[in-house]
Protein backbone atom coordinates (compact mmCIF):
# COMPACT_ATOMS: atom_id res chain seq x y z
CA MET A 1 116.73 83.88 76.38
CA ASN A 2 113.93 86.14 74.72
CA GLY A 3 112.24 88.97 76.56
CA SER A 4 109.07 87.04 77.33
CA ALA A 5 111.06 84.12 78.83
CA MET A 6 113.25 86.56 81.01
CA CYS A 7 109.99 88.25 82.27
CA THR A 8 108.42 84.86 83.07
CA ARG A 9 111.81 83.83 84.99
CA ARG A 10 111.81 87.11 86.89
CA VAL A 11 108.05 86.48 88.00
CA ALA A 12 108.86 82.91 89.07
CA VAL A 13 111.95 84.06 91.04
CA ARG A 14 109.97 86.72 92.85
CA ALA A 15 107.03 84.46 93.47
CA GLY A 16 109.37 81.69 94.67
CA LEU A 17 111.29 84.10 96.90
CA LEU A 18 108.07 85.31 98.60
CA ALA A 19 106.75 81.86 99.23
CA ALA A 20 109.94 80.63 100.53
CA VAL A 21 110.44 83.68 102.81
CA ALA A 22 106.88 83.47 103.97
CA ALA A 23 107.44 79.97 105.08
CA ALA A 24 110.81 80.87 106.81
CA ALA A 25 109.66 83.36 109.41
CA PRO A 26 106.44 84.66 110.66
CA LEU A 27 107.36 88.41 110.48
CA ALA A 28 108.71 87.75 107.01
CA ALA A 29 105.38 86.86 105.71
CA GLY A 30 104.09 90.25 106.31
CA ILE A 31 107.41 91.94 105.13
CA LEU A 32 107.55 90.25 101.77
CA ALA A 33 104.01 89.27 101.13
CA GLN A 34 103.36 92.80 99.64
CA GLU A 35 104.06 92.99 95.90
CA ARG A 36 106.35 96.02 96.62
CA PRO A 37 106.88 97.63 100.03
CA PRO A 38 104.90 100.88 100.18
CA GLU A 39 107.90 102.87 100.84
CA ALA A 40 109.80 101.55 97.77
CA SER A 41 110.34 104.13 95.01
CA GLY A 42 110.08 103.96 91.16
CA GLU A 43 110.38 101.13 88.80
CA PRO A 44 113.09 98.47 89.36
CA THR A 45 116.24 98.95 87.62
CA GLU A 46 117.88 96.46 85.14
CA GLU A 47 118.75 93.13 86.44
CA SER A 48 122.23 92.83 87.98
CA THR A 49 123.64 91.46 91.26
CA VAL A 50 121.75 92.88 94.19
CA LEU A 51 121.91 92.48 98.00
CA MET A 52 118.52 91.76 99.65
CA LEU A 53 118.29 93.53 102.94
CA TRP A 54 115.07 92.63 104.87
CA GLY A 55 113.64 92.68 108.40
CA GLY A 56 111.30 94.85 110.52
CA VAL A 57 109.94 95.51 113.98
CA ARG A 58 107.79 93.04 115.65
CA ALA A 59 104.42 94.27 117.23
CA ASP A 60 106.29 94.10 120.66
CA GLY A 61 109.03 96.48 119.40
CA GLU A 62 111.77 94.00 118.88
CA LEU A 63 113.97 94.85 115.78
CA VAL A 64 114.45 92.01 113.45
CA LEU A 65 117.26 91.89 110.78
CA GLU A 66 117.46 88.93 108.47
CA PRO A 67 120.63 87.52 106.81
CA ALA A 68 121.28 89.29 103.46
CA PHE A 69 121.66 87.36 100.16
CA ALA A 70 123.24 88.46 97.02
CA TYR A 71 121.60 87.29 93.89
CA GLU A 72 120.68 88.30 90.21
CA GLY A 73 117.64 90.71 90.49
CA ARG A 74 116.62 94.36 90.20
CA ALA A 75 117.46 97.04 92.78
CA ARG A 76 114.53 98.43 94.75
CA GLY A 77 115.38 100.99 97.34
CA PRO A 78 113.39 103.16 99.77
CA GLY A 79 111.34 106.02 98.48
CA ALA A 80 112.38 108.43 101.17
CA PRO A 81 114.54 108.55 104.21
CA GLY A 82 113.17 107.83 107.64
CA ASP A 83 113.99 107.05 111.21
CA TYR A 84 115.53 103.56 110.47
CA ARG A 85 118.78 102.66 108.99
CA VAL A 86 120.65 99.65 107.66
CA ARG A 87 124.33 99.93 107.42
CA GLY A 88 126.87 97.32 105.95
CA LEU A 89 130.15 97.42 107.97
CA ASP A 90 133.48 95.96 107.42
CA GLY A 91 135.67 94.21 109.96
CA GLU A 92 137.01 97.59 111.31
CA GLY A 93 133.54 99.03 111.69
CA GLU A 94 133.76 101.28 108.68
CA THR A 95 130.64 101.82 106.78
CA LEU A 96 130.52 100.24 103.38
CA PHE A 97 126.69 101.31 102.61
CA SER A 98 123.98 102.95 104.57
CA ILE A 99 120.29 103.44 103.77
CA ARG A 100 117.61 105.22 105.56
CA PHE A 101 113.94 104.36 105.32
CA THR A 102 110.62 104.13 107.03
CA PRO A 103 109.29 100.46 107.19
CA GLY A 104 105.79 99.68 106.00
CA GLU A 105 102.92 98.82 108.37
CA ILE A 106 101.88 95.19 108.53
CA SER A 107 98.41 94.19 109.59
CA ASP A 108 99.29 92.62 112.90
CA GLY A 109 100.96 95.85 114.13
CA SER A 110 104.41 94.96 113.23
CA LYS A 111 106.41 96.83 110.52
CA GLY A 112 108.68 95.50 107.74
CA PHE A 113 111.04 96.29 104.90
CA SER A 114 112.50 94.67 102.00
CA TYR A 115 114.98 96.36 99.71
CA SER A 116 117.55 95.19 97.06
CA ILE A 117 120.47 97.33 96.56
CA PRO A 118 123.23 97.21 93.98
CA PHE A 119 125.84 94.81 95.09
CA ASP A 120 129.54 95.92 95.19
CA ALA A 121 131.91 92.92 94.36
CA ALA A 122 134.24 94.15 96.84
CA TRP A 123 131.55 93.45 99.64
CA THR A 124 132.25 89.66 99.19
CA GLU A 125 135.49 90.03 101.01
CA ALA A 126 134.77 93.17 103.01
CA LEU A 127 131.19 92.94 104.30
CA ASP A 128 131.41 91.73 107.88
CA ARG A 129 128.04 92.60 109.46
CA LEU A 130 124.76 94.53 108.98
CA GLU A 131 123.32 96.69 111.48
CA LEU A 132 119.65 97.82 111.77
CA SER A 133 118.99 100.77 113.90
CA GLY A 134 115.84 102.57 114.76
CA PRO A 135 113.93 104.34 117.82
CA GLU A 136 113.60 100.77 119.38
CA GLY A 137 117.32 100.15 119.32
CA VAL A 138 119.85 98.15 117.34
CA ALA A 139 119.82 94.58 115.88
CA THR A 140 122.88 93.09 113.88
CA VAL A 141 123.70 90.10 111.64
CA ASP A 142 127.33 89.15 111.47
CA ARG A 143 129.15 86.71 109.16
CA GLU A 144 128.72 83.85 111.65
CA ALA A 145 124.97 84.39 111.97
CA GLY A 146 124.63 85.08 108.27
CA ALA A 147 126.53 81.90 107.37
CA ARG A 148 123.99 79.75 109.16
CA ALA A 149 121.24 80.87 106.77
CA MET A 150 121.05 79.70 103.16
CA MET A 151 118.76 80.29 100.17
CA VAL A 152 118.14 77.23 97.76
CA ILE A 153 117.41 78.05 94.24
CA ASP A 154 116.34 75.81 91.29
CA ARG A 155 118.72 76.54 88.57
CA ALA A 156 116.40 75.33 85.88
CA THR A 157 113.64 77.71 86.88
CA GLY A 158 115.40 80.45 88.98
CA GLN A 159 112.73 79.86 91.54
CA VAL A 160 113.73 80.12 95.24
CA ARG A 161 112.80 76.72 96.77
CA SER A 162 113.71 77.22 100.40
CA ILE A 163 115.32 79.59 103.03
CA ALA A 164 116.79 77.72 105.96
CA ARG A 165 118.33 78.95 109.25
CA HIS A 166 120.63 76.68 111.50
CA GLY A 167 120.30 73.54 109.40
CA ALA A 168 119.48 71.82 106.17
CA ALA A 169 116.88 73.30 103.70
CA THR A 170 114.05 70.99 102.72
CA LEU A 171 114.06 70.32 99.02
CA PRO A 172 111.37 68.99 96.79
CA ALA A 173 112.16 65.36 95.67
CA GLU A 174 112.89 66.28 92.04
CA LEU A 175 115.76 68.63 93.35
CA GLU A 176 117.02 66.10 95.76
CA ALA A 177 117.33 63.54 92.93
CA ASP A 178 119.30 66.09 90.66
CA SER A 179 121.63 68.19 92.87
CA SER A 180 123.02 69.74 89.74
CA ARG A 181 119.92 71.78 89.61
CA VAL A 182 120.39 73.34 93.01
CA ARG A 183 122.28 76.55 93.79
CA ILE A 184 122.86 77.39 97.33
CA LEU A 185 123.29 80.97 98.37
CA ARG A 186 124.69 81.60 101.96
CA GLY A 187 123.59 84.45 104.02
CA LEU A 188 125.89 87.39 103.99
CA PRO A 189 128.14 87.00 100.83
CA ARG A 190 131.12 85.02 101.84
CA PRO A 191 134.69 85.27 100.53
CA PRO A 192 135.71 82.53 98.08
CA GLY A 193 137.51 79.41 99.47
């Protein structure tokens, strides 16, 4: 694939992800509708497997942590540490990764974040839960809750077509007719088998 085609594919993937997430949850619309969160730093890295971490704080102060998805993309981390932290924990409660940040303000008074961090293949087996902590308290997503979320990607275009929780994703007719074009990612990367 030439450089122009790869750039077009990345734009399509990002635009599709933003559209699908915006349709999936009201807070997510504010979190990911920004081209890049204000606290994200530098230019994105080269494309590799990354773990998308996203969530925020609702206007009423409730912390929200969404299921994470591992996919091919570019890492984008926070620009500076802050009062909020997302940790990835194994089954014994040991920290696999930890990032500190300050979420960006969203127009309705809520705050949001969206980061993509380099994904360690060992996390497929070891990552048991995610934990978001901040002045408001703690929110978690474990394997059971994460497994109830899925991201549907059109293999032909790389575009995210749907993000679903607790049920089946809705697919455009052309993808339902040709299921070989569909790639499904489960929330929180799952061990094989």
